[in-house]
Amino acid sequence: MQKILQVVAVIAVFGGLMLFNRYALTLGQAAQESVNEYYIQRIIMAVWLALAGFVVELPRIYRDLSQPGGRFAIDWAVLLVLGLPALALALLPILVAGGKVPVPLWLLQPNALPAEVIGAFLFGLSVGKSIIQEEYRVF
């Protein structure tokens, strides 16, 4: 089952990138129609990549789930250290528009969004890494 999940993870990463590119092609048209539609489309693009990042960790989560004697817990330190900066990168266009934060122009190119791509994928990856198995003993 773990090998099947690894294949699914590879397919999900390619699928997430293809769906991201599908929405990126029409991003310029969405920007001309409505500002809200433009930002909603960018958030949808980030969600596809975050799901792809989470699916990469799915084989490890399944392996931990199949072992007896443990329960799932969330490692809040991983979410804080890895997830928060990744979420800020994934939502960088919204943070820049709302907070008027100065950012290098190469991070905010309209159709090539490197900060959003990297941040969304790392956010999904950090959410997957934060799910850990906690051992417990019954006396």
N, C-alpha and C. Protein backbone atom coordinates (compact mmCIF):
# COMPACT_ATOMS: atom_id res chain seq x y z
N MET A 1 0.82 -1.19 0.00
CA MET A 1 0.00 0.00 0.00
C MET A 1 0.87 1.26 0.00
N GLN A 2 2.01 1.17 0.68
CA GLN A 2 2.89 2.33 0.75
C GLN A 2 3.47 2.67 -0.62
N LYS A 3 3.77 1.68 -1.43
CA LYS A 3 4.28 1.93 -2.78
C LYS A 3 3.21 2.60 -3.63
N ILE A 4 1.96 2.19 -3.47
CA ILE A 4 0.86 2.82 -4.21
C ILE A 4 0.72 4.28 -3.79
N LEU A 5 0.86 4.56 -2.51
CA LEU A 5 0.77 5.94 -2.04
C LEU A 5 1.94 6.79 -2.55
N GLN A 6 3.10 6.19 -2.72
CA GLN A 6 4.23 6.93 -3.30
C GLN A 6 3.96 7.29 -4.75
N VAL A 7 3.36 6.37 -5.49
CA VAL A 7 3.01 6.65 -6.89
C VAL A 7 1.93 7.73 -6.93
N VAL A 8 0.95 7.64 -6.04
CA VAL A 8 -0.11 8.65 -5.96
C VAL A 8 0.49 10.01 -5.62
N ALA A 9 1.50 10.04 -4.77
CA ALA A 9 2.14 11.31 -4.40
C ALA A 9 2.82 11.95 -5.61
N VAL A 10 3.50 11.15 -6.42
CA VAL A 10 4.16 11.69 -7.61
C VAL A 10 3.11 12.21 -8.59
N ILE A 11 2.04 11.45 -8.79
CA ILE A 11 0.97 11.89 -9.69
C ILE A 11 0.31 13.16 -9.15
N ALA A 12 0.12 13.25 -7.84
CA ALA A 12 -0.51 14.43 -7.25
C ALA A 12 0.36 15.67 -7.41
N VAL A 13 1.67 15.52 -7.31
CA VAL A 13 2.56 16.67 -7.50
C VAL A 13 2.47 17.17 -8.94
N PHE A 14 2.53 16.25 -9.90
CA PHE A 14 2.40 16.68 -11.30
C PHE A 14 1.01 17.25 -11.58
N GLY A 15 -0.02 16.62 -11.00
CA GLY A 15 -1.38 17.14 -11.18
C GLY A 15 -1.53 18.52 -10.57
N GLY A 16 -0.96 18.74 -9.39
CA GLY A 16 -1.02 20.06 -8.75
C GLY A 16 -0.32 21.12 -9.58
N LEU A 17 0.84 20.77 -10.16
CA LEU A 17 1.54 21.72 -11.02
C LEU A 17 0.76 22.02 -12.30
N MET A 18 0.13 20.99 -12.86
CA MET A 18 -0.66 21.21 -14.08
C MET A 18 -1.89 22.08 -13.79
N LEU A 19 -2.56 21.84 -12.67
CA LEU A 19 -3.71 22.67 -12.32
C LEU A 19 -3.28 24.09 -11.98
N PHE A 20 -2.12 24.22 -11.34
CA PHE A 20 -1.58 25.55 -11.08
C PHE A 20 -1.35 26.30 -12.38
N ASN A 21 -0.74 25.63 -13.36
CA ASN A 21 -0.48 26.26 -14.65
C ASN A 21 -1.77 26.58 -15.39
N ARG A 22 -2.79 25.75 -15.24
CA ARG A 22 -4.07 26.01 -15.89
C ARG A 22 -4.65 27.33 -15.38
N TYR A 23 -4.61 27.52 -14.08
CA TYR A 23 -5.13 28.76 -13.52
C TYR A 23 -4.20 29.93 -13.80
N ALA A 24 -2.90 29.68 -13.91
CA ALA A 24 -1.95 30.76 -14.18
C ALA A 24 -2.13 31.33 -15.58
N LEU A 25 -2.59 30.50 -16.52
CA LEU A 25 -2.80 31.00 -17.88
C LEU A 25 -3.89 32.05 -17.96
N THR A 26 -4.92 31.89 -17.15
CA THR A 26 -6.05 32.83 -17.19
C THR A 26 -5.97 33.90 -16.10
N LEU A 27 -4.83 33.99 -15.45
CA LEU A 27 -4.69 34.95 -14.34
C LEU A 27 -4.75 36.39 -14.83
N GLY A 28 -4.15 36.67 -15.97
CA GLY A 28 -4.19 38.03 -16.51
C GLY A 28 -5.59 38.47 -16.87
N GLN A 29 -6.39 37.54 -17.41
CA GLN A 29 -7.78 37.86 -17.73
C GLN A 29 -8.59 38.09 -16.47
N ALA A 30 -8.34 37.31 -15.43
CA ALA A 30 -9.05 37.48 -14.18
C ALA A 30 -8.70 38.81 -13.53
N ALA A 31 -7.46 39.27 -13.70
CA ALA A 31 -7.05 40.55 -13.14
C ALA A 31 -7.77 41.71 -13.82
N GLN A 32 -8.09 41.57 -15.10
CA GLN A 32 -8.78 42.64 -15.81
C GLN A 32 -10.27 42.66 -15.48
N GLU A 33 -10.83 41.51 -15.11
CA GLU A 33 -12.26 41.45 -14.82
C GLU A 33 -12.59 41.96 -13.42
N SER A 34 -11.91 41.43 -12.42
CA SER A 34 -12.24 41.79 -11.04
C SER A 34 -11.04 41.52 -10.14
N VAL A 35 -10.82 42.39 -9.20
CA VAL A 35 -9.72 42.21 -8.26
C VAL A 35 -10.00 41.02 -7.34
N ASN A 36 -11.25 40.88 -6.91
CA ASN A 36 -11.61 39.75 -6.04
C ASN A 36 -11.41 38.42 -6.75
N GLU A 37 -11.82 38.35 -8.01
CA GLU A 37 -11.66 37.11 -8.77
C GLU A 37 -10.17 36.78 -8.95
N TYR A 38 -9.36 37.81 -9.12
CA TYR A 38 -7.92 37.62 -9.28
C TYR A 38 -7.32 37.00 -8.01
N TYR A 39 -7.67 37.54 -6.84
CA TYR A 39 -7.11 37.00 -5.60
C TYR A 39 -7.69 35.63 -5.27
N ILE A 40 -8.94 35.40 -5.58
CA ILE A 40 -9.53 34.08 -5.34
C ILE A 40 -8.83 33.04 -6.21
N GLN A 41 -8.55 33.40 -7.45
CA GLN A 41 -7.87 32.48 -8.34
C GLN A 41 -6.45 32.19 -7.84
N ARG A 42 -5.78 33.16 -7.31
CA ARG A 42 -4.44 32.93 -6.75
C ARG A 42 -4.50 32.04 -5.52
N ILE A 43 -5.52 32.19 -4.70
CA ILE A 43 -5.66 31.32 -3.53
C ILE A 43 -5.95 29.88 -3.96
N ILE A 44 -6.78 29.72 -4.99
CA ILE A 44 -7.06 28.37 -5.51
C ILE A 44 -5.77 27.73 -6.03
N MET A 45 -4.95 28.51 -6.70
CA MET A 45 -3.67 28.00 -7.19
C MET A 45 -2.78 27.55 -6.04
N ALA A 46 -2.77 28.29 -4.97
CA ALA A 46 -1.96 27.92 -3.80
C ALA A 46 -2.50 26.67 -3.13
N VAL A 47 -3.82 26.51 -3.11
CA VAL A 47 -4.41 25.32 -2.48
C VAL A 47 -4.02 24.05 -3.24
N TRP A 48 -3.99 24.10 -4.58
CA TRP A 48 -3.60 22.93 -5.34
C TRP A 48 -2.18 22.51 -5.00
N LEU A 49 -1.28 23.46 -4.86
CA LEU A 49 0.10 23.12 -4.54
C LEU A 49 0.26 22.68 -3.09
N ALA A 50 -0.53 23.24 -2.19
CA ALA A 50 -0.48 22.80 -0.79
C ALA A 50 -0.96 21.36 -0.66
N LEU A 51 -1.99 21.00 -1.40
CA LEU A 51 -2.46 19.61 -1.39
C LEU A 51 -1.39 18.67 -1.96
N ALA A 52 -0.71 19.11 -3.00
CA ALA A 52 0.36 18.28 -3.56
C ALA A 52 1.49 18.09 -2.55
N GLY A 53 1.82 19.13 -1.80
CA GLY A 53 2.86 19.01 -0.77
C GLY A 53 2.44 18.09 0.36
N PHE A 54 1.16 18.13 0.73
CA PHE A 54 0.67 17.26 1.80
C PHE A 54 0.68 15.80 1.36
N VAL A 55 0.33 15.53 0.11
CA VAL A 55 0.28 14.16 -0.38
C VAL A 55 1.66 13.52 -0.41
N VAL A 56 2.71 14.33 -0.51
CA VAL A 56 4.07 13.79 -0.48
C VAL A 56 4.33 13.11 0.87
N GLU A 57 3.76 13.63 1.94
CA GLU A 57 3.96 13.05 3.27
C GLU A 57 2.97 11.93 3.59
N LEU A 58 2.02 11.67 2.72
CA LEU A 58 0.99 10.67 2.98
C LEU A 58 1.54 9.25 3.19
N PRO A 59 2.55 8.77 2.42
CA PRO A 59 3.08 7.43 2.70
C PRO A 59 3.64 7.29 4.12
N ARG A 60 4.31 8.32 4.62
CA ARG A 60 4.84 8.25 5.98
C ARG A 60 3.71 8.24 7.00
N ILE A 61 2.69 9.04 6.77
CA ILE A 61 1.55 9.07 7.70
C ILE A 61 0.85 7.72 7.71
N TYR A 62 0.69 7.11 6.54
CA TYR A 62 0.07 5.79 6.47
C TYR A 62 0.91 4.75 7.19
N ARG A 63 2.24 4.80 7.02
CA ARG A 63 3.12 3.85 7.70
C ARG A 63 2.97 3.98 9.21
N ASP A 64 2.92 5.22 9.70
CA ASP A 64 2.74 5.43 11.14
C ASP A 64 1.36 4.98 11.61
N LEU A 65 0.35 5.16 10.77
CA LEU A 65 -1.01 4.77 11.12
C LEU A 65 -1.14 3.27 11.23
N SER A 66 -0.41 2.53 10.39
CA SER A 66 -0.53 1.07 10.39
C SER A 66 0.21 0.41 11.53
N GLN A 67 1.05 1.12 12.26
CA GLN A 67 1.76 0.53 13.39
C GLN A 67 0.92 0.64 14.65
N PRO A 68 0.81 -0.45 15.40
CA PRO A 68 0.02 -0.39 16.63
C PRO A 68 0.79 0.30 17.76
N GLY A 69 0.08 0.75 18.74
CA GLY A 69 0.70 1.31 19.94
C GLY A 69 0.99 2.78 19.87
N GLY A 70 0.29 3.49 19.08
CA GLY A 70 0.54 4.92 18.99
C GLY A 70 -0.72 5.67 18.63
N ARG A 71 -0.66 6.95 18.77
CA ARG A 71 -1.78 7.80 18.37
C ARG A 71 -1.20 9.02 17.68
N PHE A 72 -2.03 9.66 16.91
CA PHE A 72 -1.57 10.82 16.16
C PHE A 72 -1.57 12.07 17.02
N ALA A 73 -0.59 12.88 16.77
CA ALA A 73 -0.48 14.18 17.45
C ALA A 73 0.03 15.18 16.42
N ILE A 74 -0.12 16.43 16.75
CA ILE A 74 0.37 17.49 15.87
C ILE A 74 1.55 18.16 16.54
N ASP A 75 2.65 18.23 15.82
CA ASP A 75 3.85 18.88 16.31
C ASP A 75 3.75 20.38 16.00
N TRP A 76 3.37 21.14 17.00
CA TRP A 76 3.12 22.56 16.80
C TRP A 76 4.39 23.34 16.48
N ALA A 77 5.53 22.85 16.93
CA ALA A 77 6.79 23.53 16.62
C ALA A 77 7.09 23.49 15.13
N VAL A 78 6.82 22.36 14.49
CA VAL A 78 7.03 22.25 13.05
C VAL A 78 6.10 23.21 12.31
N LEU A 79 4.85 23.26 12.76
CA LEU A 79 3.91 24.18 12.11
C LEU A 79 4.32 25.63 12.29
N LEU A 80 4.86 25.95 13.44
CA LEU A 80 5.25 27.33 13.69
C LEU A 80 6.53 27.70 12.93
N VAL A 81 7.53 26.82 12.97
CA VAL A 81 8.82 27.13 12.36
C VAL A 81 8.79 26.99 10.84
N LEU A 82 8.15 25.95 10.33
CA LEU A 82 8.12 25.73 8.88
C LEU A 82 6.84 26.24 8.22
N GLY A 83 5.72 26.04 8.89
CA GLY A 83 4.44 26.35 8.27
C GLY A 83 4.12 27.83 8.18
N LEU A 84 4.45 28.59 9.20
CA LEU A 84 4.11 30.01 9.20
C LEU A 84 4.87 30.80 8.13
N PRO A 85 6.19 30.63 7.98
CA PRO A 85 6.86 31.33 6.88
C PRO A 85 6.41 30.85 5.50
N ALA A 86 6.12 29.55 5.38
CA ALA A 86 5.64 29.04 4.10
C ALA A 86 4.26 29.60 3.76
N LEU A 87 3.41 29.74 4.76
CA LEU A 87 2.09 30.34 4.53
C LEU A 87 2.22 31.81 4.15
N ALA A 88 3.17 32.51 4.75
CA ALA A 88 3.39 33.91 4.39
C ALA A 88 3.87 34.02 2.95
N LEU A 89 4.73 33.09 2.51
CA LEU A 89 5.17 33.10 1.11
C LEU A 89 4.02 32.74 0.17
N ALA A 90 3.20 31.78 0.57
CA ALA A 90 2.09 31.36 -0.29
C ALA A 90 1.08 32.48 -0.47
N LEU A 91 0.88 33.27 0.55
CA LEU A 91 -0.09 34.36 0.49
C LEU A 91 0.59 35.71 0.32
N LEU A 92 1.80 35.71 -0.22
CA LEU A 92 2.57 36.94 -0.37
C LEU A 92 1.85 38.03 -1.18
N PRO A 93 1.19 37.70 -2.30
CA PRO A 93 0.50 38.77 -3.02
C PRO A 93 -0.60 39.44 -2.19
N ILE A 94 -1.28 38.66 -1.39
CA ILE A 94 -2.35 39.23 -0.55
C ILE A 94 -1.74 40.06 0.58
N LEU A 95 -0.64 39.58 1.16
CA LEU A 95 0.03 40.34 2.22
C LEU A 95 0.60 41.65 1.69
N VAL A 96 1.14 41.61 0.48
CA VAL A 96 1.70 42.82 -0.11
C VAL A 96 0.60 43.83 -0.41
N ALA A 97 -0.51 43.34 -0.96
CA ALA A 97 -1.62 44.24 -1.31
C ALA A 97 -2.28 44.81 -0.05
N GLY A 98 -2.42 43.99 0.98
CA GLY A 98 -3.09 44.45 2.20
C GLY A 98 -2.19 45.26 3.11
N GLY A 99 -0.93 44.88 3.22
CA GLY A 99 -0.04 45.54 4.16
C GLY A 99 0.95 46.48 3.53
N LYS A 100 0.96 46.57 2.22
CA LYS A 100 1.88 47.45 1.49
C LYS A 100 3.33 47.21 1.91
N VAL A 101 3.72 45.94 1.90
CA VAL A 101 5.06 45.53 2.27
C VAL A 101 5.96 45.61 1.03
N PRO A 102 7.13 46.24 1.12
CA PRO A 102 8.03 46.27 -0.04
C PRO A 102 8.67 44.90 -0.26
N VAL A 103 8.58 44.43 -1.49
CA VAL A 103 9.09 43.10 -1.85
C VAL A 103 9.81 43.23 -3.18
N PRO A 104 10.87 42.44 -3.41
CA PRO A 104 11.52 42.47 -4.73
C PRO A 104 10.53 42.11 -5.84
N LEU A 105 10.64 42.79 -6.95
CA LEU A 105 9.69 42.62 -8.04
C LEU A 105 9.70 41.21 -8.62
N TRP A 106 10.82 40.53 -8.62
CA TRP A 106 10.89 39.21 -9.22
C TRP A 106 10.06 38.19 -8.45
N LEU A 107 9.68 38.49 -7.21
CA LEU A 107 8.80 37.59 -6.47
C LEU A 107 7.34 37.76 -6.84
N LEU A 108 7.00 38.87 -7.45
CA LEU A 108 5.59 39.17 -7.72
C LEU A 108 5.27 39.31 -9.19
N GLN A 109 5.97 38.62 -10.06
CA GLN A 109 5.64 38.68 -11.47
C GLN A 109 4.23 38.11 -11.67
N PRO A 110 3.43 38.71 -12.56
CA PRO A 110 2.02 38.35 -12.63
C PRO A 110 1.73 36.90 -13.00
N ASN A 111 2.47 36.30 -13.93
CA ASN A 111 2.15 34.95 -14.35
C ASN A 111 3.17 33.92 -13.88
N ALA A 112 4.31 34.34 -13.41
CA ALA A 112 5.31 33.43 -12.86
C ALA A 112 5.46 33.79 -11.39
N LEU A 113 4.88 33.00 -10.53
CA LEU A 113 4.79 33.33 -9.11
C LEU A 113 5.69 32.42 -8.29
N PRO A 114 7.00 32.64 -8.29
CA PRO A 114 7.88 31.71 -7.59
C PRO A 114 7.65 31.68 -6.08
N ALA A 115 7.37 32.79 -5.47
CA ALA A 115 7.16 32.80 -4.02
C ALA A 115 5.90 32.03 -3.66
N GLU A 116 4.86 32.20 -4.43
CA GLU A 116 3.61 31.51 -4.14
C GLU A 116 3.73 30.01 -4.37
N VAL A 117 4.45 29.63 -5.41
CA VAL A 117 4.63 28.21 -5.72
C VAL A 117 5.41 27.52 -4.60
N ILE A 118 6.54 28.09 -4.26
CA ILE A 118 7.39 27.48 -3.23
C ILE A 118 6.69 27.50 -1.87
N GLY A 119 6.07 28.62 -1.53
CA GLY A 119 5.41 28.74 -0.23
C GLY A 119 4.24 27.79 -0.07
N ALA A 120 3.42 27.66 -1.10
CA ALA A 120 2.26 26.77 -0.99
C ALA A 120 2.69 25.31 -0.88
N PHE A 121 3.66 24.90 -1.68
CA PHE A 121 4.13 23.52 -1.60
C PHE A 121 4.76 23.24 -0.25
N LEU A 122 5.58 24.17 0.26
CA LEU A 122 6.21 23.97 1.56
C LEU A 122 5.18 23.99 2.70
N PHE A 123 4.12 24.77 2.54
CA PHE A 123 3.08 24.77 3.57
C PHE A 123 2.40 23.40 3.65
N GLY A 124 2.05 22.83 2.50
CA GLY A 124 1.46 21.50 2.50
C GLY A 124 2.40 20.46 3.06
N LEU A 125 3.67 20.59 2.72
CA LEU A 125 4.69 19.67 3.23
C LEU A 125 4.84 19.79 4.75
N SER A 126 4.82 21.02 5.26
CA SER A 126 4.98 21.21 6.71
C SER A 126 3.75 20.73 7.47
N VAL A 127 2.56 20.85 6.89
CA VAL A 127 1.38 20.29 7.55
C VAL A 127 1.49 18.77 7.61
N GLY A 128 1.96 18.16 6.54
CA GLY A 128 2.16 16.71 6.55
C GLY A 128 3.22 16.28 7.54
N LYS A 129 4.32 17.05 7.64
CA LYS A 129 5.39 16.72 8.59
C LYS A 129 4.96 16.92 10.04
N SER A 130 4.00 17.80 10.26
CA SER A 130 3.59 18.07 11.64
C SER A 130 2.71 16.96 12.21
N ILE A 131 2.18 16.09 11.37
CA ILE A 131 1.38 14.96 11.85
C ILE A 131 2.34 13.84 12.21
N ILE A 132 2.45 13.56 13.50
CA ILE A 132 3.41 12.57 13.98
C ILE A 132 2.68 11.51 14.79
N GLN A 133 3.38 10.42 15.03
CA GLN A 133 2.84 9.37 15.87
C GLN A 133 3.39 9.54 17.28
N GLU A 134 2.50 9.57 18.24
CA GLU A 134 2.89 9.72 19.64
C GLU A 134 2.67 8.38 20.32
N GLU A 135 3.70 7.86 20.94
CA GLU A 135 3.57 6.59 21.62
C GLU A 135 2.91 6.77 22.97
N TYR A 136 2.12 5.81 23.32
CA TYR A 136 1.51 5.84 24.65
C TYR A 136 1.55 4.44 25.21
N ARG A 137 1.57 4.38 26.52
CA ARG A 137 1.63 3.07 27.20
C ARG A 137 0.45 2.98 28.16
N VAL A 138 -0.10 1.81 28.21
CA VAL A 138 -1.21 1.54 29.13
C VAL A 138 -0.65 0.65 30.24
N PHE A 139 -0.78 1.11 31.47
CA PHE A 139 -0.24 0.34 32.60
C PHE A 139 -1.30 -0.52 33.20
